[in-house]
N, C-alpha and C. Protein backbone atom coordinates (compact mmCIF):
# COMPACT_ATOMS: atom_id res chain seq x y z
N UNK A 1 -20.10 -8.64 -8.96
CA UNK A 1 -18.57 -8.64 -8.57
C UNK A 1 -18.38 -7.33 -7.94
N UNK A 2 -18.25 -6.83 -6.33
CA UNK A 2 -18.04 -5.91 -5.96
C UNK A 2 -17.05 -5.07 -6.37
N UNK A 3 -15.75 -6.29 -6.01
CA UNK A 3 -14.77 -5.19 -6.40
C UNK A 3 -13.89 -6.16 -7.37
N UNK A 4 -12.38 -6.64 -6.83
CA UNK A 4 -11.76 -7.50 -7.73
C UNK A 4 -11.86 -8.90 -7.26
N UNK A 5 -12.91 -9.10 -6.81
CA UNK A 5 -12.92 -10.84 -6.37
C UNK A 5 -14.33 -11.17 -6.97
N UNK A 6 -14.59 -12.58 -6.51
CA UNK A 6 -15.80 -13.30 -6.81
C UNK A 6 -15.93 -14.18 -5.74
N UNK A 7 -17.30 -14.26 -5.35
CA UNK A 7 -17.76 -15.36 -3.86
C UNK A 7 -17.32 -16.67 -4.79
N UNK A 8 -17.34 -17.49 -3.77
CA UNK A 8 -17.15 -18.93 -4.08
C UNK A 8 -18.23 -19.44 -4.91
N UNK A 9 -19.64 -19.20 -4.61
CA UNK A 9 -20.90 -19.62 -5.24
C UNK A 9 -20.95 -19.02 -6.70
N UNK A 10 -20.37 -17.97 -6.71
CA UNK A 10 -20.18 -17.20 -8.39
C UNK A 10 -19.10 -17.99 -9.37
N UNK A 11 -18.36 -18.36 -8.67
CA UNK A 11 -17.13 -19.47 -9.24
C UNK A 11 -17.41 -20.66 -9.56
N UNK A 12 -18.40 -21.14 -8.58
CA UNK A 12 -19.06 -22.66 -9.03
C UNK A 12 -19.82 -22.09 -10.07
N UNK A 13 -20.94 -21.20 -10.31
CA UNK A 13 -21.66 -21.44 -11.18
C UNK A 13 -21.22 -20.97 -12.56
N UNK A 14 -20.03 -19.76 -12.61
CA UNK A 14 -19.54 -19.60 -14.06
C UNK A 14 -18.85 -20.62 -14.35
N UNK A 15 -18.01 -21.70 -13.78
CA UNK A 15 -17.28 -22.63 -14.51
C UNK A 15 -17.99 -23.50 -14.08
N UNK A 16 -18.94 -23.93 -13.68
CA UNK A 16 -20.04 -25.18 -13.66
C UNK A 16 -19.33 -26.43 -12.88
N UNK A 17 -18.56 -25.94 -11.75
CA UNK A 17 -17.66 -26.93 -11.03
C UNK A 17 -18.53 -27.27 -9.61
N UNK A 18 -18.12 -28.26 -9.34
CA UNK A 18 -18.84 -28.68 -7.57
C UNK A 18 -17.86 -27.99 -6.46
N UNK A 19 -18.29 -27.72 -5.70
CA UNK A 19 -17.73 -26.68 -4.29
C UNK A 19 -16.71 -28.15 -4.17
N UNK A 20 -16.74 -29.08 -4.20
CA UNK A 20 -15.92 -30.06 -3.51
C UNK A 20 -14.76 -29.98 -4.81
N UNK A 21 -14.72 -29.67 -5.62
CA UNK A 21 -13.55 -29.34 -6.69
C UNK A 21 -12.83 -28.15 -6.28
N UNK A 22 -13.77 -27.43 -6.11
CA UNK A 22 -12.55 -26.11 -5.62
C UNK A 22 -12.25 -26.32 -4.18
N UNK A 23 -12.57 -26.97 -3.18
CA UNK A 23 -11.98 -27.29 -1.94
C UNK A 23 -10.89 -28.19 -2.24
N UNK A 24 -10.73 -29.20 -3.20
CA UNK A 24 -9.68 -29.91 -3.61
C UNK A 24 -8.53 -29.22 -3.88
N UNK A 25 -8.75 -28.34 -5.06
CA UNK A 25 -7.66 -27.48 -5.37
C UNK A 25 -7.08 -26.58 -4.39
N UNK A 26 -7.91 -26.27 -3.38
CA UNK A 26 -7.39 -25.44 -2.16
C UNK A 26 -6.43 -26.20 -1.22
N UNK A 27 -7.06 -27.60 -1.03
CA UNK A 27 -6.24 -28.53 -0.61
C UNK A 27 -4.84 -28.86 -0.86
N UNK A 28 -4.92 -29.28 -2.33
CA UNK A 28 -3.85 -29.33 -2.97
C UNK A 28 -2.66 -28.31 -3.38
N UNK A 29 -3.14 -26.82 -2.79
CA UNK A 29 -2.67 -25.55 -2.83
C UNK A 29 -2.30 -25.31 -4.27
N UNK A 30 -3.58 -25.51 -5.12
CA UNK A 30 -3.28 -25.05 -6.86
C UNK A 30 -4.06 -23.83 -6.81
N UNK A 31 -4.91 -23.51 -5.53
CA UNK A 31 -5.61 -22.00 -5.66
C UNK A 31 -5.53 -21.64 -4.13
N UNK A 32 -5.85 -20.24 -4.14
CA UNK A 32 -5.93 -19.95 -2.71
C UNK A 32 -7.19 -19.11 -2.55
N UNK A 33 -8.07 -19.03 -1.72
CA UNK A 33 -9.22 -18.24 -1.61
C UNK A 33 -8.55 -17.27 -0.42
N UNK A 34 -9.61 -16.04 -0.35
CA UNK A 34 -9.12 -14.82 0.51
C UNK A 34 -10.71 -15.02 1.27
N UNK A 35 -10.35 -14.07 2.47
CA UNK A 35 -11.68 -13.79 3.08
C UNK A 35 -11.85 -12.18 3.02
N UNK A 36 -13.12 -11.76 2.88
CA UNK A 36 -13.09 -10.44 3.17
C UNK A 36 -14.13 -10.14 4.18
N UNK A 37 -13.65 -9.27 5.14
CA UNK A 37 -14.22 -8.95 6.25
C UNK A 37 -15.82 -8.65 6.21
N UNK A 38 -16.29 -8.22 5.05
CA UNK A 38 -17.84 -7.62 5.03
C UNK A 38 -18.41 -8.98 4.64
N UNK A 39 -17.80 -10.03 4.06
CA UNK A 39 -18.51 -10.86 3.14
C UNK A 39 -17.99 -12.32 3.97
N UNK A 40 -19.05 -13.06 4.51
CA UNK A 40 -18.58 -14.09 5.44
C UNK A 40 -18.43 -15.48 4.65
N UNK A 41 -18.24 -15.35 3.44
CA UNK A 41 -17.71 -16.65 2.66
C UNK A 41 -16.52 -16.20 2.01
N UNK A 42 -15.81 -17.65 1.69
CA UNK A 42 -14.62 -17.47 0.74
C UNK A 42 -14.80 -16.42 -0.64
N UNK A 43 -13.44 -15.99 -0.81
CA UNK A 43 -13.62 -15.23 -2.26
C UNK A 43 -12.37 -15.67 -3.21
N UNK A 44 -12.17 -15.33 -3.97
CA UNK A 44 -11.35 -15.51 -4.98
C UNK A 44 -10.94 -14.07 -5.99
N UNK A 45 -9.86 -13.80 -5.80
CA UNK A 45 -9.39 -12.77 -6.70
C UNK A 45 -9.04 -13.05 -7.77
N UNK A 46 -9.10 -12.25 -9.05
CA UNK A 46 -8.92 -12.32 -10.10
C UNK A 46 -7.60 -13.19 -10.60
N UNK A 47 -6.78 -13.29 -10.21
CA UNK A 47 -5.54 -13.89 -10.41
C UNK A 47 -5.59 -15.46 -10.17
N UNK A 48 -6.36 -15.62 -9.02
CA UNK A 48 -7.18 -16.93 -8.82
C UNK A 48 -7.95 -17.42 -9.89
N UNK A 49 -8.81 -16.53 -10.40
CA UNK A 49 -10.00 -16.95 -11.32
C UNK A 49 -9.21 -17.25 -12.38
N UNK A 50 -8.43 -16.95 -12.80
CA UNK A 50 -7.55 -17.23 -14.11
C UNK A 50 -7.01 -18.56 -13.85
N UNK A 51 -6.33 -18.78 -12.56
CA UNK A 51 -5.80 -19.92 -12.35
C UNK A 51 -7.26 -21.53 -12.32
N UNK A 52 -8.17 -20.94 -11.98
CA UNK A 52 -9.35 -21.87 -11.91
C UNK A 52 -9.92 -21.93 -13.42
N UNK A 53 -9.80 -21.15 -13.96
CA UNK A 53 -9.90 -21.29 -15.57
C UNK A 53 -9.44 -22.29 -16.30
N UNK A 54 -7.96 -22.16 -16.08
CA UNK A 54 -6.72 -23.01 -16.59
C UNK A 54 -6.93 -24.28 -16.22
N UNK A 55 -6.97 -24.73 -14.68
CA UNK A 55 -7.16 -25.94 -14.22
C UNK A 55 -8.48 -26.60 -14.50
N UNK A 56 -9.69 -26.02 -14.58
CA UNK A 56 -10.68 -26.50 -15.10
C UNK A 56 -10.49 -27.23 -16.39
N UNK A 57 -10.13 -26.19 -17.64
CA UNK A 57 -10.03 -26.70 -18.37
C UNK A 57 -9.17 -27.88 -18.75
N UNK A 58 -7.85 -27.66 -18.23
CA UNK A 58 -6.95 -29.05 -18.18
C UNK A 58 -7.69 -30.33 -17.52
N UNK A 59 -8.46 -29.90 -16.85
CA UNK A 59 -9.14 -31.20 -15.94
C UNK A 59 -10.29 -31.89 -16.89
N UNK A 60 -11.13 -30.92 -17.21
CA UNK A 60 -12.19 -31.30 -17.77
C UNK A 60 -12.00 -31.52 -19.54
N UNK A 61 -11.35 -30.60 -20.10
CA UNK A 61 -10.96 -30.88 -21.50
C UNK A 61 -9.84 -31.57 -22.15
N UNK A 62 -8.96 -31.64 -21.15
CA UNK A 62 -7.75 -32.68 -21.79
C UNK A 62 -7.72 -33.58 -20.73
N UNK A 63 -8.15 -33.63 -19.51
CA UNK A 63 -8.20 -34.81 -18.67
C UNK A 63 -6.88 -35.02 -17.96
N UNK A 64 -6.45 -34.12 -18.00
CA UNK A 64 -5.03 -33.97 -16.83
C UNK A 64 -5.39 -34.08 -15.63
N UNK A 65 -4.47 -35.08 -14.68
CA UNK A 65 -4.80 -35.03 -13.38
C UNK A 65 -4.13 -34.00 -12.71
N UNK A 66 -4.09 -34.14 -11.33
CA UNK A 66 -4.16 -32.49 -10.48
C UNK A 66 -2.61 -32.82 -10.46
N UNK A 67 -1.71 -33.75 -10.19
CA UNK A 67 -0.05 -33.42 -10.16
C UNK A 67 0.09 -32.90 -11.43
N UNK A 68 -0.63 -33.19 -12.56
CA UNK A 68 -0.04 -32.95 -13.96
C UNK A 68 -0.37 -31.80 -14.16
N UNK A 69 -1.45 -31.14 -13.54
CA UNK A 69 -1.87 -29.54 -13.30
C UNK A 69 -0.83 -28.74 -12.89
N UNK A 70 -0.35 -29.13 -11.65
CA UNK A 70 0.71 -28.78 -10.87
C UNK A 70 1.70 -28.49 -11.91
N UNK A 71 2.30 -29.52 -12.59
CA UNK A 71 3.60 -29.22 -13.39
C UNK A 71 3.48 -28.75 -14.77
N UNK A 72 1.92 -28.33 -15.01
CA UNK A 72 1.89 -27.28 -16.20
C UNK A 72 1.76 -25.96 -15.56
N UNK A 73 1.17 -25.99 -14.31
CA UNK A 73 1.13 -24.35 -14.08
C UNK A 73 2.41 -24.07 -13.62
N UNK A 74 3.45 -24.79 -13.02
CA UNK A 74 4.44 -24.30 -12.63
C UNK A 74 5.20 -24.21 -14.36
N UNK A 75 5.65 -24.77 -15.24
CA UNK A 75 5.83 -24.55 -16.14
C UNK A 75 5.49 -23.26 -17.23
N UNK A 76 4.19 -22.98 -16.84
CA UNK A 76 3.87 -21.69 -17.32
C UNK A 76 4.10 -20.60 -16.60
N UNK A 77 4.35 -20.59 -15.32
CA UNK A 77 4.79 -19.54 -14.53
C UNK A 77 6.24 -19.55 -14.86
N UNK A 78 6.87 -20.46 -15.21
CA UNK A 78 8.52 -20.34 -15.53
C UNK A 78 8.39 -19.73 -17.01
N UNK A 79 7.64 -20.20 -17.91
CA UNK A 79 7.66 -19.34 -19.16
C UNK A 79 7.62 -18.16 -18.97
N UNK A 80 6.36 -17.58 -18.31
CA UNK A 80 6.30 -15.92 -18.25
C UNK A 80 7.38 -15.20 -17.44
N UNK A 81 7.98 -16.03 -16.63
CA UNK A 81 9.17 -15.36 -15.86
C UNK A 81 9.97 -15.37 -16.94
N UNK A 82 10.49 -16.24 -17.52
CA UNK A 82 11.67 -16.30 -18.85
C UNK A 82 10.99 -15.24 -19.81
N UNK A 83 9.92 -14.90 -20.29
CA UNK A 83 9.37 -14.04 -21.18
C UNK A 83 9.62 -12.64 -20.69
N UNK A 84 9.33 -12.43 -19.60
CA UNK A 84 9.63 -10.94 -18.88
C UNK A 84 10.98 -10.69 -18.75
N UNK A 85 11.96 -11.56 -18.46
CA UNK A 85 13.50 -11.45 -18.25
C UNK A 85 13.88 -11.12 -20.16
N UNK A 86 13.47 -12.07 -21.36
CA UNK A 86 13.44 -11.87 -22.25
C UNK A 86 13.52 -10.39 -22.85
N UNK A 87 11.90 -9.96 -22.62
CA UNK A 87 11.51 -8.63 -22.71
C UNK A 87 12.39 -7.37 -22.14
N UNK A 88 13.03 -7.55 -20.91
CA UNK A 88 13.90 -6.68 -20.31
C UNK A 88 14.84 -6.49 -21.31
N UNK A 89 15.47 -7.81 -21.25
CA UNK A 89 16.97 -8.03 -22.33
C UNK A 89 16.54 -7.13 -23.61
N UNK A 90 15.85 -7.38 -24.19
CA UNK A 90 15.78 -6.84 -25.33
C UNK A 90 15.32 -5.26 -25.34
N UNK A 91 14.58 -4.98 -24.33
CA UNK A 91 14.84 -3.30 -24.35
C UNK A 91 15.90 -2.98 -24.10
N UNK A 92 16.74 -3.53 -23.26
CA UNK A 92 18.22 -2.89 -22.70
C UNK A 92 19.23 -2.88 -23.94
N UNK A 93 18.92 -3.72 -25.01
CA UNK A 93 19.60 -4.03 -26.06
C UNK A 93 19.02 -2.84 -27.02
N UNK A 94 18.04 -2.72 -26.99
CA UNK A 94 17.54 -1.50 -28.09
C UNK A 94 18.08 -0.09 -27.81
N UNK A 95 18.04 0.12 -26.58
CA UNK A 95 18.44 1.35 -25.69
C UNK A 95 19.90 1.24 -26.22
N UNK A 96 20.64 0.38 -26.13
CA UNK A 96 22.17 0.35 -26.41
C UNK A 96 22.36 0.56 -27.72
N UNK A 97 21.81 -0.01 -28.65
CA UNK A 97 21.73 0.25 -30.16
C UNK A 97 21.41 1.51 -30.64
N UNK A 98 20.21 2.22 -29.61
CA UNK A 98 19.88 3.82 -30.16
C UNK A 98 21.25 4.41 -29.60
N UNK A 99 21.86 4.39 -28.56
CA UNK A 99 22.71 5.24 -28.19
C UNK A 99 24.12 4.97 -29.06
N UNK A 100 24.55 3.79 -29.64
CA UNK A 100 25.58 3.63 -30.57
C UNK A 100 25.32 4.19 -31.83
N UNK A 101 23.89 4.55 -32.17
CA UNK A 101 23.69 4.87 -33.60
C UNK A 101 23.47 6.43 -33.28
N UNK A 102 23.38 7.15 -32.75
CA UNK A 102 23.32 8.32 -32.10
C UNK A 102 25.01 9.14 -31.95
């Protein structure tokens, strides 16, 4: 890994998947590949590697189909967004309590 990405062949080796699996995930818009000028092949940045890991686990270990994977990924995204919002609210409350106590 030169920078913050993996080449397609590296991803195939790491996750033990077929190239057609990655192509299908791209077609279904579950992952996005990128192109790097000095590299003539497709690459995946670290955020996409995490998505591939999650998708691979869902499909291979839990036998979730791709429409189900899409729903799960959307729910995961929503939960992470809500968590960040909750953390912001909690921080604001803590600051407010500190101000009132001083």
